[in-house]
Amino acid sequence: MEVSVIKIGNSKGIRLSKTMIDKYSIKDSVNLILEEDQIIIKPMSKSRKGWEKAFKEMAENGDDQLLIDDVFKDENLEEWK
């Protein structure tokens, strides 16, 4: 698909059609991948996508135990008051 490069202030950019934005679920930002002879524009995915399901499975399997105690035996919590 050919698109025009347009002037945006002191910079230049390209316009994406509403159809393309909707089709690829582009929100506020995209990920640019710079390769040898091409630029790839990818929509940003949710950073925590799938975490809820993964945490639920961990809980069901008993894999959600702390690896390190959150309070150490010699820790003085009075210092933080």
PDB file of N, CA and C in Angstrom:
ATOM      1  N   MET A   1       0.846  -1.169   0.000  1.00  0.00           N
ATOM      2  CA  MET A   1       0.000   0.000   0.000  1.00  0.00           C
ATOM      3  C   MET A   1       0.893   1.234   0.000  1.00  0.00           C
ATOM      4  N   GLU A   2       0.637   2.143  -0.875  1.00  0.00           N
ATOM      5  CA  GLU A   2       1.410   3.376  -0.947  1.00  0.00           C
ATOM      6  C   GLU A   2       0.694   4.475  -0.178  1.00  0.00           C
ATOM      7  N   VAL A   3       1.435   5.166   0.683  1.00  0.00           N
ATOM      8  CA  VAL A   3       0.899   6.314   1.414  1.00  0.00           C
ATOM      9  C   VAL A   3       1.863   7.479   1.265  1.00  0.00           C
ATOM     10  N   SER A   4       1.336   8.678   1.387  1.00  0.00           N
ATOM     11  CA  SER A   4       2.162   9.877   1.265  1.00  0.00           C
ATOM     12  C   SER A   4       2.808  10.227   2.595  1.00  0.00           C
ATOM     13  N   VAL A   5       4.010  10.772   2.523  1.00  0.00           N
ATOM     14  CA  VAL A   5       4.693  11.304   3.688  1.00  0.00           C
ATOM     15  C   VAL A   5       4.277  12.770   3.787  1.00  0.00           C
ATOM     16  N   ILE A   6       3.774  13.170   4.969  1.00  0.00           N
ATOM     17  CA  ILE A   6       3.267  14.533   5.137  1.00  0.00           C
ATOM     18  C   ILE A   6       4.099  15.286   6.163  1.00  0.00           C
ATOM     19  N   LYS A   7       4.063  16.610   6.067  1.00  0.00           N
ATOM     20  CA  LYS A   7       4.773  17.466   7.009  1.00  0.00           C
ATOM     21  C   LYS A   7       3.923  17.611   8.265  1.00  0.00           C
ATOM     22  N   ILE A   8       4.544  17.410   9.426  1.00  0.00           N
ATOM     23  CA  ILE A   8       3.890  17.580  10.724  1.00  0.00           C
ATOM     24  C   ILE A   8       4.833  18.442  11.563  1.00  0.00           C
ATOM     25  N   GLY A   9       4.600  19.743  11.595  1.00  0.00           N
ATOM     26  CA  GLY A   9       5.510  20.649  12.294  1.00  0.00           C
ATOM     27  C   GLY A   9       6.867  20.620  11.611  1.00  0.00           C
ATOM     28  N   ASN A  10       7.932  20.371  12.395  1.00  0.00           N
ATOM     29  CA  ASN A  10       9.279  20.266  11.840  1.00  0.00           C
ATOM     30  C   ASN A  10       9.610  18.834  11.419  1.00  0.00           C
ATOM     31  N   SER A  11       8.665  17.935  11.598  1.00  0.00           N
ATOM     32  CA  SER A  11       8.884  16.519  11.301  1.00  0.00           C
ATOM     33  C   SER A  11       8.052  16.096  10.100  1.00  0.00           C
ATOM     34  N   LYS A  12       8.125  14.839   9.786  1.00  0.00           N
ATOM     35  CA  LYS A  12       7.286  14.261   8.746  1.00  0.00           C
ATOM     36  C   LYS A  12       6.665  12.987   9.297  1.00  0.00           C
ATOM     37  N   GLY A  13       5.535  12.589   8.713  1.00  0.00           N
ATOM     38  CA  GLY A  13       4.858  11.397   9.191  1.00  0.00           C
ATOM     39  C   GLY A  13       3.984  10.817   8.107  1.00  0.00           C
ATOM     40  N   ILE A  14       3.279   9.762   8.457  1.00  0.00           N
ATOM     41  CA  ILE A  14       2.322   9.152   7.540  1.00  0.00           C
ATOM     42  C   ILE A  14       0.972   9.108   8.236  1.00  0.00           C
ATOM     43  N   ARG A  15      -0.088   9.088   7.461  1.00  0.00           N
ATOM     44  CA  ARG A  15      -1.439   8.968   8.005  1.00  0.00           C
ATOM     45  C   ARG A  15      -1.918   7.540   7.804  1.00  0.00           C
ATOM     46  N   LEU A  16      -2.568   7.020   8.824  1.00  0.00           N
ATOM     47  CA  LEU A  16      -3.194   5.704   8.723  1.00  0.00           C
ATOM     48  C   LEU A  16      -4.698   5.912   8.679  1.00  0.00           C
ATOM     49  N   SER A  17      -5.369   5.203   7.807  1.00  0.00           N
ATOM     50  CA  SER A  17      -6.818   5.351   7.684  1.00  0.00           C
ATOM     51  C   SER A  17      -7.508   4.797   8.927  1.00  0.00           C
ATOM     52  N   LYS A  18      -8.718   5.276   9.188  1.00  0.00           N
ATOM     53  CA  LYS A  18      -9.511   4.790  10.319  1.00  0.00           C
ATOM     54  C   LYS A  18      -9.742   3.289  10.196  1.00  0.00           C
ATOM     55  N   THR A  19      -9.963   2.825   8.962  1.00  0.00           N
ATOM     56  CA  THR A  19     -10.170   1.393   8.732  1.00  0.00           C
ATOM     57  C   THR A  19      -8.962   0.593   9.200  1.00  0.00           C
ATOM     58  N   MET A  20      -7.762   1.060   8.855  1.00  0.00           N
ATOM     59  CA  MET A  20      -6.536   0.365   9.245  1.00  0.00           C
ATOM     60  C   MET A  20      -6.339   0.430  10.760  1.00  0.00           C
ATOM     61  N   ILE A  21      -6.609   1.576  11.346  1.00  0.00           N
ATOM     62  CA  ILE A  21      -6.465   1.734  12.799  1.00  0.00           C
ATOM     63  C   ILE A  21      -7.411   0.788  13.530  1.00  0.00           C
ATOM     64  N   ASP A  22      -8.653   0.704  13.059  1.00  0.00           N
ATOM     65  CA  ASP A  22      -9.629  -0.194  13.685  1.00  0.00           C
ATOM     66  C   ASP A  22      -9.256  -1.659  13.472  1.00  0.00           C
ATOM     67  N   LYS A  23      -8.853  -2.008  12.259  1.00  0.00           N
ATOM     68  CA  LYS A  23      -8.533  -3.399  11.937  1.00  0.00           C
ATOM     69  C   LYS A  23      -7.405  -3.945  12.805  1.00  0.00           C
ATOM     70  N   TYR A  24      -6.375  -3.107  13.048  1.00  0.00           N
ATOM     71  CA  TYR A  24      -5.213  -3.565  13.804  1.00  0.00           C
ATOM     72  C   TYR A  24      -5.238  -3.106  15.258  1.00  0.00           C
ATOM     73  N   SER A  25      -6.366  -2.556  15.703  1.00  0.00           N
ATOM     74  CA  SER A  25      -6.549  -2.126  17.101  1.00  0.00           C
ATOM     75  C   SER A  25      -5.423  -1.210  17.567  1.00  0.00           C
ATOM     76  N   ILE A  26      -5.097  -0.217  16.770  1.00  0.00           N
ATOM     77  CA  ILE A  26      -4.050   0.736  17.125  1.00  0.00           C
ATOM     78  C   ILE A  26      -4.663   1.775  18.050  1.00  0.00           C
ATOM     79  N   LYS A  27      -4.041   1.983  19.201  1.00  0.00           N
ATOM     80  CA  LYS A  27      -4.548   2.941  20.188  1.00  0.00           C
ATOM     81  C   LYS A  27      -3.664   4.189  20.177  1.00  0.00           C
ATOM     82  N   ASP A  28      -2.940   4.441  21.251  1.00  0.00           N
ATOM     83  CA  ASP A  28      -2.160   5.664  21.392  1.00  0.00           C
ATOM     84  C   ASP A  28      -0.732   5.553  20.884  1.00  0.00           C
ATOM     85  N   SER A  29      -0.209   4.343  20.792  1.00  0.00           N
ATOM     86  CA  SER A  29       1.173   4.201  20.343  1.00  0.00           C
ATOM     87  C   SER A  29       1.355   2.900  19.576  1.00  0.00           C
ATOM     88  N   VAL A  30       2.420   2.859  18.798  1.00  0.00           N
ATOM     89  CA  VAL A  30       2.767   1.675  18.021  1.00  0.00           C
ATOM     90  C   VAL A  30       4.225   1.329  18.283  1.00  0.00           C
ATOM     91  N   ASN A  31       4.599   0.133  17.930  1.00  0.00           N
ATOM     92  CA  ASN A  31       5.970  -0.318  18.055  1.00  0.00           C
ATOM     93  C   ASN A  31       6.600  -0.270  16.657  1.00  0.00           C
ATOM     94  N   LEU A  32       7.697   0.480  16.505  1.00  0.00           N
ATOM     95  CA  LEU A  32       8.417   0.537  15.238  1.00  0.00           C
ATOM     96  C   LEU A  32       9.576  -0.433  15.288  1.00  0.00           C
ATOM     97  N   ILE A  33       9.636  -1.320  14.319  1.00  0.00           N
ATOM     98  CA  ILE A  33      10.734  -2.271  14.216  1.00  0.00           C
ATOM     99  C   ILE A  33      11.552  -1.872  12.998  1.00  0.00           C
ATOM    100  N   LEU A  34      12.801  -1.507  13.230  1.00  0.00           N
ATOM    101  CA  LEU A  34      13.673  -1.058  12.153  1.00  0.00           C
ATOM    102  C   LEU A  34      14.548  -2.212  11.721  1.00  0.00           C
ATOM    103  N   GLU A  35      14.392  -2.633  10.487  1.00  0.00           N
ATOM    104  CA  GLU A  35      15.193  -3.711   9.940  1.00  0.00           C
ATOM    105  C   GLU A  35      16.040  -3.162   8.810  1.00  0.00           C
ATOM    106  N   GLU A  36      16.837  -4.007   8.231  1.00  0.00           N
ATOM    107  CA  GLU A  36      17.812  -3.591   7.235  1.00  0.00           C
ATOM    108  C   GLU A  36      17.238  -2.656   6.166  1.00  0.00           C
ATOM    109  N   ASP A  37      16.170  -3.042   5.511  1.00  0.00           N
ATOM    110  CA  ASP A  37      15.636  -2.219   4.428  1.00  0.00           C
ATOM    111  C   ASP A  37      14.140  -1.957   4.579  1.00  0.00           C
ATOM    112  N   GLN A  38      13.631  -2.018   5.825  1.00  0.00           N
ATOM    113  CA  GLN A  38      12.209  -1.806   6.020  1.00  0.00           C
ATOM    114  C   GLN A  38      11.910  -1.313   7.430  1.00  0.00           C
ATOM    115  N   ILE A  39      10.765  -0.678   7.563  1.00  0.00           N
ATOM    116  CA  ILE A  39      10.240  -0.252   8.859  1.00  0.00           C
ATOM    117  C   ILE A  39       8.909  -0.973   9.046  1.00  0.00           C
ATOM    118  N   ILE A  40       8.780  -1.678  10.152  1.00  0.00           N
ATOM    119  CA  ILE A  40       7.546  -2.415  10.454  1.00  0.00           C
ATOM    120  C   ILE A  40       6.825  -1.672  11.572  1.00  0.00           C
ATOM    121  N   ILE A  41       5.545  -1.402  11.360  1.00  0.00           N
ATOM    122  CA  ILE A  41       4.714  -0.750  12.366  1.00  0.00           C
ATOM    123  C   ILE A  41       3.780  -1.798  12.950  1.00  0.00           C
ATOM    124  N   LYS A  42       3.899  -2.031  14.266  1.00  0.00           N
ATOM    125  CA  LYS A  42       3.047  -3.017  14.932  1.00  0.00           C
ATOM    126  C   LYS A  42       2.293  -2.338  16.064  1.00  0.00           C
ATOM    127  N   PRO A  43       1.018  -2.696  16.227  1.00  0.00           N
ATOM    128  CA  PRO A  43       0.271  -2.138  17.365  1.00  0.00           C
ATOM    129  C   PRO A  43       0.891  -2.620  18.672  1.00  0.00           C
ATOM    130  N   MET A  44       0.844  -1.753  19.681  1.00  0.00           N
ATOM    131  CA  MET A  44       1.353  -2.132  20.997  1.00  0.00           C
ATOM    132  C   MET A  44       0.330  -3.060  21.634  1.00  0.00           C
ATOM    133  N   SER A  45       0.796  -4.163  22.171  1.00  0.00           N
ATOM    134  CA  SER A  45      -0.117  -5.072  22.866  1.00  0.00           C
ATOM    135  C   SER A  45      -0.180  -4.673  24.333  1.00  0.00           C
ATOM    136  N   LYS A  46      -1.232  -5.095  24.990  1.00  0.00           N
ATOM    137  CA  LYS A  46      -1.346  -4.817  26.414  1.00  0.00           C
ATOM    138  C   LYS A  46      -0.187  -5.498  27.122  1.00  0.00           C
ATOM    139  N   SER A  47       0.496  -4.749  27.977  1.00  0.00           N
ATOM    140  CA  SER A  47       1.681  -5.290  28.632  1.00  0.00           C
ATOM    141  C   SER A  47       1.374  -6.451  29.578  1.00  0.00           C
ATOM    142  N   ARG A  48       0.174  -6.509  30.102  1.00  0.00           N
ATOM    143  CA  ARG A  48      -0.183  -7.582  31.040  1.00  0.00           C
ATOM    144  C   ARG A  48      -1.265  -8.489  30.470  1.00  0.00           C
ATOM    145  N   LYS A  49      -1.333  -8.540  29.160  1.00  0.00           N
ATOM    146  CA  LYS A  49      -2.345  -9.370  28.508  1.00  0.00           C
ATOM    147  C   LYS A  49      -2.114 -10.840  28.877  1.00  0.00           C
ATOM    148  N   GLY A  50      -3.170 -11.506  29.328  1.00  0.00           N
ATOM    149  CA  GLY A  50      -3.084 -12.916  29.679  1.00  0.00           C
ATOM    150  C   GLY A  50      -2.643 -13.196  31.110  1.00  0.00           C
ATOM    151  N   TRP A  51      -2.269 -12.154  31.852  1.00  0.00           N
ATOM    152  CA  TRP A  51      -1.789 -12.368  33.213  1.00  0.00           C
ATOM    153  C   TRP A  51      -2.884 -12.917  34.114  1.00  0.00           C
ATOM    154  N   GLU A  52      -4.102 -12.416  33.966  1.00  0.00           N
ATOM    155  CA  GLU A  52      -5.201 -12.861  34.836  1.00  0.00           C
ATOM    156  C   GLU A  52      -5.400 -14.370  34.715  1.00  0.00           C
ATOM    157  N   LYS A  53      -5.423 -14.874  33.498  1.00  0.00           N
ATOM    158  CA  LYS A  53      -5.598 -16.311  33.267  1.00  0.00           C
ATOM    159  C   LYS A  53      -4.416 -17.086  33.841  1.00  0.00           C
ATOM    160  N   ALA A  54      -3.205 -16.568  33.628  1.00  0.00           N
ATOM    161  CA  ALA A  54      -2.008 -17.248  34.124  1.00  0.00           C
ATOM    162  C   ALA A  54      -2.004 -17.306  35.651  1.00  0.00           C
ATOM    163  N   PHE A  55      -2.392 -16.201  36.305  1.00  0.00           N
ATOM    164  CA  PHE A  55      -2.434 -16.191  37.766  1.00  0.00           C
ATOM    165  C   PHE A  55      -3.492 -17.151  38.301  1.00  0.00           C
ATOM    166  N   LYS A  56      -4.614 -17.223  37.613  1.00  0.00           N
ATOM    167  CA  LYS A  56      -5.669 -18.150  38.035  1.00  0.00           C
ATOM    168  C   LYS A  56      -5.173 -19.594  37.949  1.00  0.00           C
ATOM    169  N   GLU A  57      -4.502 -19.923  36.847  1.00  0.00           N
ATOM    170  CA  GLU A  57      -3.948 -21.275  36.695  1.00  0.00           C
ATOM    171  C   GLU A  57      -2.892 -21.567  37.756  1.00  0.00           C
ATOM    172  N   MET A  58      -2.059 -20.573  38.071  1.00  0.00           N
ATOM    173  CA  MET A  58      -1.047 -20.752  39.115  1.00  0.00           C
ATOM    174  C   MET A  58      -1.709 -21.074  40.452  1.00  0.00           C
ATOM    175  N   ALA A  59      -2.778 -20.336  40.776  1.00  0.00           N
ATOM    176  CA  ALA A  59      -3.479 -20.553  42.048  1.00  0.00           C
ATOM    177  C   ALA A  59      -4.099 -21.947  42.085  1.00  0.00           C
ATOM    178  N   GLU A  60      -4.694 -22.362  40.974  1.00  0.00           N
ATOM    179  CA  GLU A  60      -5.310 -23.687  40.905  1.00  0.00           C
ATOM    180  C   GLU A  60      -4.278 -24.798  41.064  1.00  0.00           C
ATOM    181  N   ASN A  61      -3.060 -24.571  40.571  1.00  0.00           N
ATOM    182  CA  ASN A  61      -1.992 -25.575  40.648  1.00  0.00           C
ATOM    183  C   ASN A  61      -1.153 -25.454  41.913  1.00  0.00           C
ATOM    184  N   GLY A  62      -1.436 -24.442  42.748  1.00  0.00           N
ATOM    185  CA  GLY A  62      -0.650 -24.238  43.965  1.00  0.00           C
ATOM    186  C   GLY A  62       0.716 -23.656  43.693  1.00  0.00           C
ATOM    187  N   ASP A  63       0.903 -23.029  42.529  1.00  0.00           N
ATOM    188  CA  ASP A  63       2.202 -22.459  42.151  1.00  0.00           C
ATOM    189  C   ASP A  63       2.319 -20.986  42.509  1.00  0.00           C
ATOM    190  N   ASP A  64       1.425 -20.466  43.327  1.00  0.00           N
ATOM    191  CA  ASP A  64       1.441 -19.041  43.636  1.00  0.00           C
ATOM    192  C   ASP A  64       1.979 -18.745  45.036  1.00  0.00           C
ATOM    193  N   GLN A  65       2.900 -19.563  45.493  1.00  0.00           N
ATOM    194  CA  GLN A  65       3.512 -19.368  46.803  1.00  0.00           C
ATOM    195  C   GLN A  65       4.682 -18.396  46.698  1.00  0.00           C
ATOM    196  N   LEU A  66       4.919 -17.645  47.794  1.00  0.00           N
ATOM    197  CA  LEU A  66       6.043 -16.718  47.823  1.00  0.00           C
ATOM    198  C   LEU A  66       7.360 -17.487  47.776  1.00  0.00           C
ATOM    199  N   LEU A  67       8.308 -16.996  47.008  1.00  0.00           N
ATOM    200  CA  LEU A  67       9.635 -17.603  46.957  1.00  0.00           C
ATOM    201  C   LEU A  67      10.523 -17.067  48.064  1.00  0.00           C
ATOM    202  N   ILE A  68      10.271 -15.833  48.462  1.00  0.00           N
ATOM    203  CA  ILE A  68      11.022 -15.182  49.538  1.00  0.00           C
ATOM    204  C   ILE A  68       9.996 -14.597  50.494  1.00  0.00           C
ATOM    205  N   ASP A  69      10.196 -14.797  51.794  1.00  0.00           N
ATOM    206  CA  ASP A  69       9.276 -14.219  52.779  1.00  0.00           C
ATOM    207  C   ASP A  69       9.192 -12.716  52.582  1.00  0.00           C
ATOM    208  N   ASP A  70       7.979 -12.165  52.699  1.00  0.00           N
ATOM    209  CA  ASP A  70       7.829 -10.727  52.516  1.00  0.00           C
ATOM    210  C   ASP A  70       8.266  -9.935  53.745  1.00  0.00           C
ATOM    211  N   VAL A  71       8.400 -10.574  54.893  1.00  0.00           N
ATOM    212  CA  VAL A  71       8.927  -9.937  56.095  1.00  0.00           C
ATOM    213  C   VAL A  71      10.014 -10.849  56.656  1.00  0.00           C
ATOM    214  N   PHE A  72      11.170 -10.279  56.880  1.00  0.00           N
ATOM    215  CA  PHE A  72      12.284 -11.062  57.425  1.00  0.00           C
ATOM    216  C   PHE A  72      12.194 -11.104  58.943  1.00  0.00           C
ATOM    217  N   LYS A  73      12.708 -12.167  59.546  1.00  0.00           N
ATOM    218  CA  LYS A  73      12.608 -12.369  60.994  1.00  0.00           C
ATOM    219  C   LYS A  73      13.259 -11.238  61.775  1.00  0.00           C
ATOM    220  N   ASP A  74      14.376 -10.693  61.270  1.00  0.00           N
ATOM    221  CA  ASP A  74      15.092  -9.641  62.000  1.00  0.00           C
ATOM    222  C   ASP A  74      14.672  -8.224  61.565  1.00  0.00           C
ATOM    223  N   GLU A  75      13.601  -8.128  60.777  1.00  0.00           N
ATOM    224  CA  GLU A  75      13.165  -6.818  60.294  1.00  0.00           C
ATOM    225  C   GLU A  75      12.388  -6.088  61.386  1.00  0.00           C
ATOM    226  N   ASN A  76      12.724  -4.827  61.601  1.00  0.00           N
ATOM    227  CA  ASN A  76      12.062  -4.021  62.609  1.00  0.00           C
ATOM    228  C   ASN A  76      11.043  -3.121  61.917  1.00  0.00           C
ATOM    229  N   LEU A  77       9.773  -3.506  61.989  1.00  0.00           N
ATOM    230  CA  LEU A  77       8.727  -2.737  61.315  1.00  0.00           C
ATOM    231  C   LEU A  77       8.406  -1.432  62.046  1.00  0.00           C
ATOM    232  N   GLU A  78       8.833  -1.299  63.307  1.00  0.00           N
ATOM    233  CA  GLU A  78       8.591  -0.069  64.070  1.00  0.00           C
ATOM    234  C   GLU A  78       9.344   1.109  63.447  1.00  0.00           C
ATOM    235  N   GLU A  79      10.465   0.832  62.761  1.00  0.00           N
ATOM    236  CA  GLU A  79      11.251   1.906  62.136  1.00  0.00           C
ATOM    237  C   GLU A  79      10.450   2.648  61.080  1.00  0.00           C
ATOM    238  N   TRP A  80       9.453   2.019  60.515  1.00  0.00           N
ATOM    239  CA  TRP A  80       8.714   2.592  59.394  1.00  0.00           C
ATOM    240  C   TRP A  80       7.507   3.405  59.835  1.00  0.00           C
ATOM    241  N   LYS A  81       7.264   3.497  61.113  1.00  0.00           N
ATOM    242  CA  LYS A  81       6.109   4.264  61.607  1.00  0.00           C
ATOM    243  C   LYS A  81       6.448   5.704  61.819  1.00  0.00           C
TER     244      LYS A  81
END
